[in-house]
N, C-alpha and C. Protein backbone atom coordinates (compact mmCIF):
# COMPACT_ATOMS: atom_id res chain seq x y z
N UNK A 1 90.74 103.48 119.23
CA UNK A 1 90.26 104.14 118.04
C UNK A 1 89.60 105.46 118.47
N UNK A 2 90.04 106.55 117.84
CA UNK A 2 89.46 107.84 118.21
C UNK A 2 88.20 108.10 117.37
N UNK A 3 87.56 109.22 117.67
CA UNK A 3 86.31 109.57 117.02
C UNK A 3 86.47 109.75 115.52
N UNK A 4 87.62 110.28 115.09
CA UNK A 4 87.89 110.48 113.67
C UNK A 4 87.89 109.14 112.93
N UNK A 5 88.59 108.17 113.48
CA UNK A 5 88.61 106.84 112.87
C UNK A 5 87.20 106.24 112.85
N UNK A 6 86.43 106.49 113.87
CA UNK A 6 85.08 105.94 113.96
C UNK A 6 84.21 106.51 112.85
N UNK A 7 84.32 107.80 112.57
CA UNK A 7 83.52 108.40 111.50
C UNK A 7 83.89 107.80 110.16
N UNK A 8 85.19 107.66 109.91
CA UNK A 8 85.63 107.06 108.63
C UNK A 8 85.19 105.62 108.55
N UNK A 9 85.32 104.88 109.63
CA UNK A 9 84.88 103.47 109.65
C UNK A 9 83.39 103.39 109.36
N UNK A 10 82.59 104.30 109.91
CA UNK A 10 81.15 104.31 109.67
C UNK A 10 80.85 104.57 108.19
N UNK A 11 81.57 105.50 107.59
CA UNK A 11 81.38 105.75 106.15
C UNK A 11 81.75 104.52 105.34
N UNK A 12 82.83 103.86 105.69
CA UNK A 12 83.27 102.66 104.98
C UNK A 12 82.24 101.54 105.15
N UNK A 13 81.77 101.35 106.37
CA UNK A 13 80.74 100.31 106.61
C UNK A 13 79.49 100.59 105.80
N UNK A 14 79.08 101.85 105.75
CA UNK A 14 77.89 102.21 104.99
C UNK A 14 78.08 101.88 103.52
N UNK A 15 79.24 102.22 102.98
CA UNK A 15 79.51 101.93 101.57
C UNK A 15 79.54 100.42 101.32
N UNK A 16 80.23 99.69 102.18
CA UNK A 16 80.37 98.25 101.97
C UNK A 16 79.10 97.48 102.29
N UNK A 17 78.17 98.10 102.99
CA UNK A 17 76.91 97.43 103.34
C UNK A 17 75.92 97.43 102.18
N UNK A 18 76.23 98.16 101.13
CA UNK A 18 75.33 98.16 99.98
C UNK A 18 75.29 96.76 99.39
N UNK A 19 74.15 96.35 98.86
CA UNK A 19 74.00 94.99 98.37
C UNK A 19 75.00 94.65 97.25
N UNK A 20 75.50 93.43 97.30
CA UNK A 20 76.39 92.92 96.25
C UNK A 20 75.65 91.85 95.48
N UNK A 21 76.04 91.65 94.25
CA UNK A 21 75.46 90.57 93.47
C UNK A 21 75.93 89.23 94.03
N UNK A 22 75.25 88.17 93.66
CA UNK A 22 75.60 86.85 94.17
C UNK A 22 76.62 86.15 93.29
N UNK A 23 76.89 86.68 92.11
CA UNK A 23 77.87 86.07 91.21
C UNK A 23 79.27 86.56 91.56
N UNK A 24 80.27 85.90 91.05
CA UNK A 24 81.65 86.34 91.28
C UNK A 24 81.87 87.73 90.74
N UNK A 25 81.28 88.02 89.60
CA UNK A 25 81.41 89.36 89.00
C UNK A 25 80.73 90.40 89.88
N UNK A 26 79.57 90.07 90.42
CA UNK A 26 78.86 90.99 91.31
C UNK A 26 79.62 91.28 92.58
N UNK A 27 80.22 90.25 93.15
CA UNK A 27 81.03 90.43 94.36
C UNK A 27 82.27 91.25 94.05
N UNK A 28 82.91 90.96 92.93
CA UNK A 28 84.11 91.72 92.54
C UNK A 28 83.77 93.21 92.36
N UNK A 29 82.66 93.48 91.67
CA UNK A 29 82.26 94.87 91.46
C UNK A 29 81.94 95.55 92.79
N UNK A 30 81.33 94.81 93.71
CA UNK A 30 81.04 95.35 95.03
C UNK A 30 82.32 95.73 95.74
N UNK A 31 83.35 94.89 95.64
CA UNK A 31 84.63 95.19 96.28
C UNK A 31 85.32 96.40 95.67
N UNK A 32 85.19 96.57 94.38
CA UNK A 32 85.87 97.65 93.68
C UNK A 32 85.08 98.96 93.65
N UNK A 33 83.78 98.91 93.91
CA UNK A 33 82.93 100.11 93.83
C UNK A 33 83.48 101.27 94.68
N UNK A 34 83.84 101.05 95.94
CA UNK A 34 84.35 102.19 96.72
C UNK A 34 85.66 102.74 96.17
N UNK A 35 86.50 101.87 95.61
CA UNK A 35 87.78 102.31 95.07
C UNK A 35 87.57 103.15 93.82
N UNK A 36 86.70 102.71 92.95
CA UNK A 36 86.43 103.48 91.72
C UNK A 36 85.83 104.85 92.06
N UNK A 37 84.91 104.88 93.02
CA UNK A 37 84.30 106.14 93.42
C UNK A 37 85.33 107.09 94.04
N UNK A 38 86.21 106.54 94.87
CA UNK A 38 87.26 107.36 95.46
C UNK A 38 88.18 107.93 94.38
N UNK A 39 88.57 107.07 93.46
CA UNK A 39 89.46 107.51 92.39
C UNK A 39 88.80 108.62 91.56
N UNK A 40 87.51 108.48 91.29
CA UNK A 40 86.79 109.48 90.52
C UNK A 40 86.82 110.85 91.22
N UNK A 41 86.70 110.84 92.54
CA UNK A 41 86.68 112.10 93.29
C UNK A 41 88.07 112.62 93.63
N UNK A 42 89.02 111.73 93.83
CA UNK A 42 90.35 112.17 94.25
C UNK A 42 91.29 112.47 93.09
N UNK A 43 91.16 111.77 92.00
CA UNK A 43 92.08 111.96 90.87
C UNK A 43 92.11 113.40 90.34
N UNK A 44 90.97 114.10 90.27
CA UNK A 44 91.06 115.49 89.83
C UNK A 44 91.86 116.37 90.80
N UNK A 45 91.94 115.95 92.05
CA UNK A 45 92.65 116.74 93.06
C UNK A 45 94.12 116.36 93.17
N UNK A 46 94.42 115.07 93.11
CA UNK A 46 95.80 114.61 93.32
C UNK A 46 96.37 113.88 92.13
N UNK A 47 95.58 113.71 91.08
CA UNK A 47 96.04 113.02 89.89
C UNK A 47 95.98 111.51 90.04
N UNK A 48 96.00 110.82 88.91
CA UNK A 48 95.97 109.35 88.94
C UNK A 48 97.22 108.81 89.62
N UNK A 49 98.37 109.45 89.36
CA UNK A 49 99.61 108.99 89.99
C UNK A 49 99.59 109.21 91.50
N UNK A 50 98.97 110.31 91.93
CA UNK A 50 98.82 110.57 93.37
C UNK A 50 97.95 109.53 94.03
N UNK A 51 96.84 109.19 93.36
CA UNK A 51 95.97 108.15 93.89
C UNK A 51 96.71 106.81 93.94
N UNK A 52 97.43 106.51 92.86
CA UNK A 52 98.21 105.26 92.80
C UNK A 52 99.25 105.20 93.90
N UNK A 53 99.91 106.32 94.16
CA UNK A 53 100.93 106.35 95.22
C UNK A 53 100.29 106.14 96.58
N UNK A 54 99.14 106.78 96.80
CA UNK A 54 98.42 106.63 98.07
C UNK A 54 97.97 105.18 98.27
N UNK A 55 97.44 104.58 97.19
CA UNK A 55 97.04 103.16 97.27
C UNK A 55 98.26 102.27 97.48
N UNK A 56 99.36 102.58 96.78
CA UNK A 56 100.57 101.76 96.91
C UNK A 56 101.07 101.74 98.34
N UNK A 57 101.07 102.89 98.99
CA UNK A 57 101.48 102.99 100.41
C UNK A 57 100.51 102.18 101.28
N UNK A 58 99.24 102.29 100.98
CA UNK A 58 98.22 101.54 101.72
C UNK A 58 98.47 100.04 101.61
N UNK A 59 98.70 99.56 100.40
CA UNK A 59 98.91 98.13 100.17
C UNK A 59 100.18 97.66 100.88
N UNK A 60 101.23 98.45 100.83
CA UNK A 60 102.49 98.06 101.51
C UNK A 60 102.28 97.96 103.02
N UNK A 61 101.51 98.89 103.59
CA UNK A 61 101.23 98.84 105.03
C UNK A 61 100.41 97.60 105.39
N UNK A 62 99.42 97.26 104.58
CA UNK A 62 98.56 96.11 104.87
C UNK A 62 99.22 94.77 104.52
N UNK A 63 100.20 94.78 103.63
CA UNK A 63 100.90 93.54 103.25
C UNK A 63 101.64 92.93 104.43
N UNK A 64 101.95 93.73 105.42
CA UNK A 64 102.60 93.20 106.62
C UNK A 64 101.68 92.20 107.32
N UNK A 65 100.38 92.45 107.28
CA UNK A 65 99.43 91.53 107.90
C UNK A 65 98.88 90.51 106.90
N UNK A 66 98.74 90.92 105.66
CA UNK A 66 98.18 90.05 104.62
C UNK A 66 99.26 89.88 103.56
N UNK A 67 100.14 88.93 103.77
CA UNK A 67 101.31 88.75 102.92
C UNK A 67 100.98 88.46 101.46
N UNK A 68 99.80 88.03 101.15
CA UNK A 68 99.40 87.70 99.78
C UNK A 68 98.95 88.92 98.99
N UNK A 69 98.88 90.06 99.63
CA UNK A 69 98.43 91.28 98.97
C UNK A 69 99.55 91.82 98.07
N UNK A 70 99.22 92.10 96.81
CA UNK A 70 100.20 92.60 95.86
C UNK A 70 100.62 94.02 96.22
N UNK A 71 101.90 94.28 96.11
CA UNK A 71 102.45 95.60 96.40
C UNK A 71 103.36 96.08 95.28
N UNK A 72 102.89 95.90 94.06
CA UNK A 72 103.67 96.27 92.89
C UNK A 72 103.85 97.77 92.77
N UNK A 73 104.36 98.20 91.64
CA UNK A 73 104.59 99.64 91.44
C UNK A 73 103.29 100.42 91.47
N UNK A 74 103.33 101.58 92.12
CA UNK A 74 102.14 102.40 92.22
C UNK A 74 101.97 103.34 91.03
N UNK A 75 102.91 103.28 90.08
CA UNK A 75 102.83 104.16 88.91
C UNK A 75 102.02 103.54 87.78
N UNK A 76 101.37 102.45 88.04
CA UNK A 76 100.53 101.79 87.04
C UNK A 76 99.21 102.55 86.87
N UNK A 77 98.49 102.30 85.80
CA UNK A 77 97.20 102.95 85.58
C UNK A 77 96.21 102.53 86.66
N UNK A 78 95.21 103.36 86.86
CA UNK A 78 94.20 103.03 87.85
C UNK A 78 93.47 101.74 87.50
N UNK A 79 93.19 101.56 86.22
CA UNK A 79 92.49 100.34 85.81
C UNK A 79 93.33 99.11 86.13
N UNK A 80 94.62 99.17 85.91
CA UNK A 80 95.53 98.05 86.24
C UNK A 80 95.59 97.86 87.75
N UNK A 81 95.64 98.95 88.50
CA UNK A 81 95.64 98.88 89.95
C UNK A 81 94.40 98.16 90.46
N UNK A 82 93.22 98.52 89.89
CA UNK A 82 91.97 97.87 90.30
C UNK A 82 91.93 96.41 89.88
N UNK A 83 92.53 96.10 88.74
CA UNK A 83 92.58 94.72 88.28
C UNK A 83 93.42 93.87 89.25
N UNK A 84 94.55 94.40 89.69
CA UNK A 84 95.40 93.68 90.64
C UNK A 84 94.69 93.49 91.97
N UNK A 85 94.03 94.54 92.44
CA UNK A 85 93.26 94.43 93.69
C UNK A 85 92.16 93.38 93.55
N UNK A 86 91.45 93.39 92.44
CA UNK A 86 90.40 92.42 92.19
C UNK A 86 90.97 90.99 92.21
N UNK A 87 92.09 90.79 91.55
CA UNK A 87 92.70 89.45 91.52
C UNK A 87 93.11 89.01 92.91
N UNK A 88 93.68 89.92 93.70
CA UNK A 88 94.07 89.60 95.08
C UNK A 88 92.84 89.19 95.89
N UNK A 89 91.79 89.98 95.82
CA UNK A 89 90.60 89.71 96.63
C UNK A 89 89.88 88.45 96.20
N UNK A 90 89.90 88.14 94.91
CA UNK A 90 89.26 86.91 94.41
C UNK A 90 89.97 85.65 94.91
N UNK A 91 91.26 85.75 95.21
CA UNK A 91 92.02 84.58 95.68
C UNK A 91 91.73 84.25 97.14
N UNK A 92 91.18 85.21 97.85
CA UNK A 92 90.89 85.01 99.29
C UNK A 92 89.46 84.50 99.48
N UNK A 93 89.24 83.89 100.62
CA UNK A 93 87.88 83.52 101.01
C UNK A 93 87.05 84.80 101.10
N UNK A 94 85.76 84.75 100.80
CA UNK A 94 84.95 85.96 100.79
C UNK A 94 85.00 86.78 102.08
N UNK A 95 84.99 86.13 103.22
CA UNK A 95 85.05 86.87 104.49
C UNK A 95 86.39 87.55 104.66
N UNK A 96 87.46 86.88 104.27
CA UNK A 96 88.80 87.46 104.37
C UNK A 96 88.93 88.62 103.38
N UNK A 97 88.41 88.43 102.17
CA UNK A 97 88.46 89.49 101.16
C UNK A 97 87.73 90.73 101.66
N UNK A 98 86.59 90.56 102.29
CA UNK A 98 85.83 91.69 102.84
C UNK A 98 86.63 92.38 103.95
N UNK A 99 87.28 91.59 104.80
CA UNK A 99 88.09 92.14 105.89
C UNK A 99 89.26 92.95 105.33
N UNK A 100 89.93 92.40 104.34
CA UNK A 100 91.08 93.07 103.74
C UNK A 100 90.65 94.34 103.02
N UNK A 101 89.56 94.26 102.29
CA UNK A 101 89.06 95.42 101.57
C UNK A 101 88.76 96.55 102.56
N UNK A 102 88.11 96.22 103.65
CA UNK A 102 87.80 97.22 104.67
C UNK A 102 89.08 97.78 105.29
N UNK A 103 90.04 96.92 105.59
CA UNK A 103 91.31 97.38 106.16
C UNK A 103 92.05 98.31 105.19
N UNK A 104 92.03 97.97 103.92
CA UNK A 104 92.67 98.81 102.91
C UNK A 104 91.98 100.18 102.84
N UNK A 105 90.67 100.19 102.82
CA UNK A 105 89.92 101.45 102.76
C UNK A 105 90.18 102.29 104.00
N UNK A 106 90.20 101.68 105.15
CA UNK A 106 90.46 102.42 106.39
C UNK A 106 91.87 102.99 106.40
N UNK A 107 92.84 102.21 105.92
CA UNK A 107 94.21 102.68 105.89
C UNK A 107 94.37 103.83 104.90
N UNK A 108 93.81 103.67 103.70
CA UNK A 108 93.91 104.74 102.71
C UNK A 108 93.26 106.03 103.21
N UNK A 109 92.09 105.92 103.80
CA UNK A 109 91.41 107.12 104.27
C UNK A 109 92.15 107.75 105.47
N UNK A 110 92.79 106.93 106.27
CA UNK A 110 93.60 107.46 107.37
C UNK A 110 94.80 108.23 106.83
N UNK A 111 95.48 107.67 105.83
CA UNK A 111 96.60 108.36 105.20
C UNK A 111 96.13 109.68 104.55
N UNK A 112 95.00 109.60 103.87
CA UNK A 112 94.44 110.79 103.23
C UNK A 112 94.14 111.86 104.26
N UNK A 113 93.58 111.44 105.38
CA UNK A 113 93.24 112.37 106.46
C UNK A 113 94.49 113.06 107.00
N UNK A 114 95.58 112.33 107.09
CA UNK A 114 96.83 112.94 107.56
C UNK A 114 97.34 113.97 106.57
N UNK A 115 97.04 113.79 105.30
CA UNK A 115 97.51 114.72 104.26
C UNK A 115 96.64 115.96 104.11
N UNK A 116 95.31 115.77 104.11
CA UNK A 116 94.42 116.90 103.79
C UNK A 116 93.51 117.29 104.95
N UNK A 117 93.54 116.57 106.04
CA UNK A 117 92.70 116.89 107.18
C UNK A 117 91.47 116.00 107.25
N UNK A 118 90.99 115.87 108.47
CA UNK A 118 89.85 114.99 108.73
C UNK A 118 88.57 115.50 108.11
N UNK A 119 88.27 116.78 108.25
CA UNK A 119 87.00 117.30 107.76
C UNK A 119 86.89 117.15 106.25
N UNK A 120 87.95 117.50 105.52
CA UNK A 120 87.90 117.38 104.06
C UNK A 120 87.83 115.92 103.64
N UNK A 121 88.55 115.06 104.33
CA UNK A 121 88.50 113.63 104.00
C UNK A 121 87.08 113.10 104.18
N UNK A 122 86.45 113.43 105.26
CA UNK A 122 85.09 112.96 105.52
C UNK A 122 84.13 113.48 104.46
N UNK A 123 84.27 114.73 104.06
CA UNK A 123 83.40 115.28 103.03
C UNK A 123 83.64 114.62 101.67
N UNK A 124 84.90 114.35 101.35
CA UNK A 124 85.22 113.67 100.09
C UNK A 124 84.65 112.27 100.08
N UNK A 125 84.76 111.55 101.16
CA UNK A 125 84.22 110.19 101.23
C UNK A 125 82.71 110.23 101.09
N UNK A 126 82.09 111.15 101.78
CA UNK A 126 80.64 111.25 101.72
C UNK A 126 80.18 111.57 100.30
N UNK A 127 80.88 112.49 99.63
CA UNK A 127 80.52 112.84 98.26
C UNK A 127 80.79 111.68 97.32
N UNK A 128 81.91 110.98 97.49
CA UNK A 128 82.27 109.87 96.61
C UNK A 128 81.31 108.71 96.75
N UNK A 129 80.82 108.50 97.92
CA UNK A 129 80.01 107.31 98.18
C UNK A 129 78.53 107.59 98.33
N UNK A 130 78.06 108.64 97.71
CA UNK A 130 76.63 108.83 97.63
C UNK A 130 76.05 109.88 98.56
N UNK A 131 76.79 110.38 99.49
CA UNK A 131 76.34 111.48 100.33
C UNK A 131 75.26 111.07 101.32
N UNK A 132 74.92 112.02 102.17
CA UNK A 132 73.83 111.82 103.10
C UNK A 132 74.24 111.51 104.50
N UNK A 133 75.36 110.85 104.72
CA UNK A 133 75.73 110.46 106.08
C UNK A 133 76.08 111.66 106.94
N UNK A 134 76.77 112.63 106.37
CA UNK A 134 77.13 113.80 107.14
C UNK A 134 75.88 114.55 107.60
N UNK A 135 74.92 114.73 106.71
CA UNK A 135 73.70 115.44 107.08
C UNK A 135 72.91 114.68 108.15
N UNK A 136 72.87 113.36 108.06
CA UNK A 136 72.13 112.56 109.04
C UNK A 136 72.73 112.72 110.43
N UNK A 137 74.05 112.89 110.50
CA UNK A 137 74.72 112.99 111.80
C UNK A 137 75.00 114.40 112.23
N UNK A 138 74.59 115.41 111.47
CA UNK A 138 74.92 116.79 111.77
C UNK A 138 74.40 117.20 113.16
N UNK A 139 73.20 116.77 113.52
CA UNK A 139 72.65 117.12 114.81
C UNK A 139 73.40 116.51 115.98
N UNK A 140 74.06 115.38 115.75
CA UNK A 140 74.80 114.71 116.79
C UNK A 140 76.13 115.40 117.08
N UNK A 141 76.60 116.24 116.16
CA UNK A 141 77.92 116.84 116.30
C UNK A 141 77.90 118.15 117.05
N UNK A 142 76.74 118.64 117.48
CA UNK A 142 76.63 119.92 118.17
C UNK A 142 77.23 119.85 119.55
């Protein structure tokens, strides 16, 4: 894993480390929170269909390891896409669901980085997920 992947993984861990509710609804919302935030920030740039296509590619790549992951059409609405993801994650054990969610986020952000560059991807993730991580690490990057 190179330094670029490590920065993205750190952003993903920070986002996923936020407290989740103890109910099934709270856990589901925790799993979907990073996806909704990403869609909010990326859709104005690449459109809902672009986000859906990026997620669709991500799901197809991860389905090789997690055969139960849905890989339906990526031209569906974002709300339907999130509903399918939620249903998939609810069927898995919580630890497996967390692992898959993280793997999906890492894959999507890696694909995004290949398309728009690492620096812009990192800034978009930081903005989508509450900001602050880039500034905290700015001194370390000198």
